[in-house]
């Protein structure tokens, strides 16, 4: 997954956050190891249509200080990706699975 599919990434991150916060046990299969699940090194050079629409709605001009906000740079996603990977690793641990049984 990468920053070219921000909407899908945010939904996945929200799903993992919700499962983690509610101590849900989940089994996930992926084609890639967890530490390579997110690729944030290749950032989009332009804005997605949804981001352009948001900028228009907020009257933000391209190149302005407001346009450099975390929402448009991908910095927010990078932080969320790191948190999600950390949570996924924790959710694999025996202690996490045993903790779930205590809160049933």
C-alpha atoms as a PDB file:
ATOM      1  CA  UNK A   1       0.000   0.000   0.000  1.00  0.00           C
ATOM      2  CA  UNK A   2       1.205   3.499  -0.728  1.00  0.00           C
ATOM      3  CA  UNK A   3       0.217   7.152  -0.620  1.00  0.00           C
ATOM      4  CA  UNK A   4      -1.400   6.908  -4.053  1.00  0.00           C
ATOM      5  CA  UNK A   5      -4.376   5.210  -2.391  1.00  0.00           C
ATOM      6  CA  UNK A   6      -4.773   7.459   0.662  1.00  0.00           C
ATOM      7  CA  UNK A   7      -8.480   6.815   1.132  1.00  0.00           C
ATOM      8  CA  UNK A   8      -8.041   3.044   1.248  1.00  0.00           C
ATOM      9  CA  UNK A   9      -5.024   3.442   3.532  1.00  0.00           C
ATOM     10  CA  UNK A  10      -6.982   5.564   5.984  1.00  0.00           C
ATOM     11  CA  UNK A  11      -9.817   3.031   6.068  1.00  0.00           C
ATOM     12  CA  UNK A  12      -7.363   0.191   6.751  1.00  0.00           C
ATOM     13  CA  UNK A  13      -5.647   2.210   9.495  1.00  0.00           C
ATOM     14  CA  UNK A  14      -9.023   3.036  11.059  1.00  0.00           C
ATOM     15  CA  UNK A  15      -9.989  -0.652  10.958  1.00  0.00           C
ATOM     16  CA  UNK A  16      -6.781  -1.725  12.716  1.00  0.00           C
ATOM     17  CA  UNK A  17      -7.136   1.090  15.281  1.00  0.00           C
ATOM     18  CA  UNK A  18     -10.700  -0.001  16.053  1.00  0.00           C
ATOM     19  CA  UNK A  19      -9.791  -3.678  16.336  1.00  0.00           C
ATOM     20  CA  UNK A  20      -6.816  -2.855  18.558  1.00  0.00           C
ATOM     21  CA  UNK A  21      -8.739  -0.458  20.814  1.00  0.00           C
ATOM     22  CA  UNK A  22     -11.446  -3.075  21.334  1.00  0.00           C
ATOM     23  CA  UNK A  23      -8.940  -5.894  21.896  1.00  0.00           C
ATOM     24  CA  UNK A  24     -10.286  -7.868  18.958  1.00  0.00           C
ATOM     25  CA  UNK A  25      -8.312 -10.882  17.829  1.00  0.00           C
ATOM     26  CA  UNK A  26      -7.936 -10.979  14.074  1.00  0.00           C
ATOM     27  CA  UNK A  27      -6.087 -13.127  11.575  1.00  0.00           C
ATOM     28  CA  UNK A  28      -4.802 -11.309   8.498  1.00  0.00           C
ATOM     29  CA  UNK A  29      -3.039 -12.684   5.454  1.00  0.00           C
ATOM     30  CA  UNK A  30      -0.890 -10.471   3.230  1.00  0.00           C
ATOM     31  CA  UNK A  31       1.363 -10.957   0.228  1.00  0.00           C
ATOM     32  CA  UNK A  32       4.129  -8.955   1.901  1.00  0.00           C
ATOM     33  CA  UNK A  33       5.703  -8.981   5.384  1.00  0.00           C
ATOM     34  CA  UNK A  34       4.318  -6.464   7.886  1.00  0.00           C
ATOM     35  CA  UNK A  35       7.435  -4.328   7.860  1.00  0.00           C
ATOM     36  CA  UNK A  36       6.928  -3.762   4.121  1.00  0.00           C
ATOM     37  CA  UNK A  37       3.146  -3.401   4.163  1.00  0.00           C
ATOM     38  CA  UNK A  38       3.245   0.359   3.641  1.00  0.00           C
ATOM     39  CA  UNK A  39       5.473   2.054   1.095  1.00  0.00           C
ATOM     40  CA  UNK A  40       5.653   5.755   1.890  1.00  0.00           C
ATOM     41  CA  UNK A  41       8.903   6.405   0.045  1.00  0.00           C
ATOM     42  CA  UNK A  42       7.144   7.015  -3.258  1.00  0.00           C
ATOM     43  CA  UNK A  43       4.974  10.070  -2.700  1.00  0.00           C
ATOM     44  CA  UNK A  44       2.553  11.384  -5.317  1.00  0.00           C
ATOM     45  CA  UNK A  45       3.863  14.479  -7.071  1.00  0.00           C
ATOM     46  CA  UNK A  46       0.434  16.017  -7.516  1.00  0.00           C
ATOM     47  CA  UNK A  47      -2.785  16.213  -5.610  1.00  0.00           C
ATOM     48  CA  UNK A  48      -5.625  13.757  -5.893  1.00  0.00           C
ATOM     49  CA  UNK A  49      -8.966  15.076  -7.130  1.00  0.00           C
ATOM     50  CA  UNK A  50     -10.415  14.799  -3.621  1.00  0.00           C
ATOM     51  CA  UNK A  51      -7.533  16.879  -2.234  1.00  0.00           C
ATOM     52  CA  UNK A  52      -8.003  19.533  -4.931  1.00  0.00           C
ATOM     53  CA  UNK A  53     -11.695  19.671  -4.117  1.00  0.00           C
ATOM     54  CA  UNK A  54     -10.939  20.068  -0.413  1.00  0.00           C
ATOM     55  CA  UNK A  55      -8.443  22.845  -1.141  1.00  0.00           C
ATOM     56  CA  UNK A  56     -11.038  24.618  -3.307  1.00  0.00           C
ATOM     57  CA  UNK A  57     -13.681  24.237  -0.598  1.00  0.00           C
ATOM     58  CA  UNK A  58     -11.292  25.662   2.008  1.00  0.00           C
ATOM     59  CA  UNK A  59     -10.079  28.378  -0.390  1.00  0.00           C
ATOM     60  CA  UNK A  60      -6.467  27.162  -0.088  1.00  0.00           C
ATOM     61  CA  UNK A  61      -4.125  28.139  -2.900  1.00  0.00           C
ATOM     62  CA  UNK A  62      -1.542  25.660  -4.223  1.00  0.00           C
ATOM     63  CA  UNK A  63       1.915  26.544  -2.883  1.00  0.00           C
ATOM     64  CA  UNK A  64       0.567  28.397   0.173  1.00  0.00           C
ATOM     65  CA  UNK A  65       1.483  27.623   3.778  1.00  0.00           C
ATOM     66  CA  UNK A  66      -1.907  25.974   4.251  1.00  0.00           C
ATOM     67  CA  UNK A  67      -1.219  23.667   1.296  1.00  0.00           C
ATOM     68  CA  UNK A  68       1.883  22.422   3.123  1.00  0.00           C
ATOM     69  CA  UNK A  69      -0.295  21.101   5.971  1.00  0.00           C
ATOM     70  CA  UNK A  70       0.235  17.507   7.079  1.00  0.00           C
ATOM     71  CA  UNK A  71      -2.995  16.499   5.366  1.00  0.00           C
ATOM     72  CA  UNK A  72      -1.593  17.313   1.947  1.00  0.00           C
ATOM     73  CA  UNK A  73       2.040  16.232   2.466  1.00  0.00           C
ATOM     74  CA  UNK A  74       1.442  12.660   3.661  1.00  0.00           C
ATOM     75  CA  UNK A  75       3.245  13.265   6.980  1.00  0.00           C
ATOM     76  CA  UNK A  76       0.099  12.381   8.909  1.00  0.00           C
ATOM     77  CA  UNK A  77      -0.190   9.097   7.037  1.00  0.00           C
ATOM     78  CA  UNK A  78       3.473   8.258   7.690  1.00  0.00           C
ATOM     79  CA  UNK A  79       2.903   8.597  11.440  1.00  0.00           C
ATOM     80  CA  UNK A  80      -0.315   6.560  11.241  1.00  0.00           C
ATOM     81  CA  UNK A  81       1.434   3.853   9.177  1.00  0.00           C
ATOM     82  CA  UNK A  82       4.126   3.455  11.824  1.00  0.00           C
ATOM     83  CA  UNK A  83       1.497   3.193  14.558  1.00  0.00           C
ATOM     84  CA  UNK A  84      -0.502   0.643  12.561  1.00  0.00           C
ATOM     85  CA  UNK A  85       2.531  -1.562  11.905  1.00  0.00           C
ATOM     86  CA  UNK A  86       3.429  -1.418  15.596  1.00  0.00           C
ATOM     87  CA  UNK A  87      -0.115  -2.418  16.536  1.00  0.00           C
ATOM     88  CA  UNK A  88      -0.178  -5.266  14.047  1.00  0.00           C
ATOM     89  CA  UNK A  89       3.068  -6.645  15.478  1.00  0.00           C
ATOM     90  CA  UNK A  90       1.663  -6.334  19.007  1.00  0.00           C
ATOM     91  CA  UNK A  91      -1.587  -8.007  17.966  1.00  0.00           C
ATOM     92  CA  UNK A  92       0.431 -11.096  16.969  1.00  0.00           C
ATOM     93  CA  UNK A  93       1.889 -11.578  20.420  1.00  0.00           C
ATOM     94  CA  UNK A  94       0.688 -14.268  22.774  1.00  0.00           C
ATOM     95  CA  UNK A  95       0.097 -11.648  25.496  1.00  0.00           C
ATOM     96  CA  UNK A  96      -2.347  -9.760  23.261  1.00  0.00           C
ATOM     97  CA  UNK A  97      -4.323 -12.915  22.510  1.00  0.00           C
ATOM     98  CA  UNK A  98      -4.406 -13.894  26.187  1.00  0.00           C
ATOM     99  CA  UNK A  99      -5.491 -10.384  27.152  1.00  0.00           C
ATOM    100  CA  UNK A 100      -8.492 -10.762  24.852  1.00  0.00           C
ATOM    101  CA  UNK A 101      -9.698 -13.792  26.809  1.00  0.00           C
ATOM    102  CA  UNK A 102      -9.637 -11.753  30.043  1.00  0.00           C
ATOM    103  CA  UNK A 103     -11.934  -9.081  28.584  1.00  0.00           C
ATOM    104  CA  UNK A 104     -14.574 -11.350  27.053  1.00  0.00           C
END
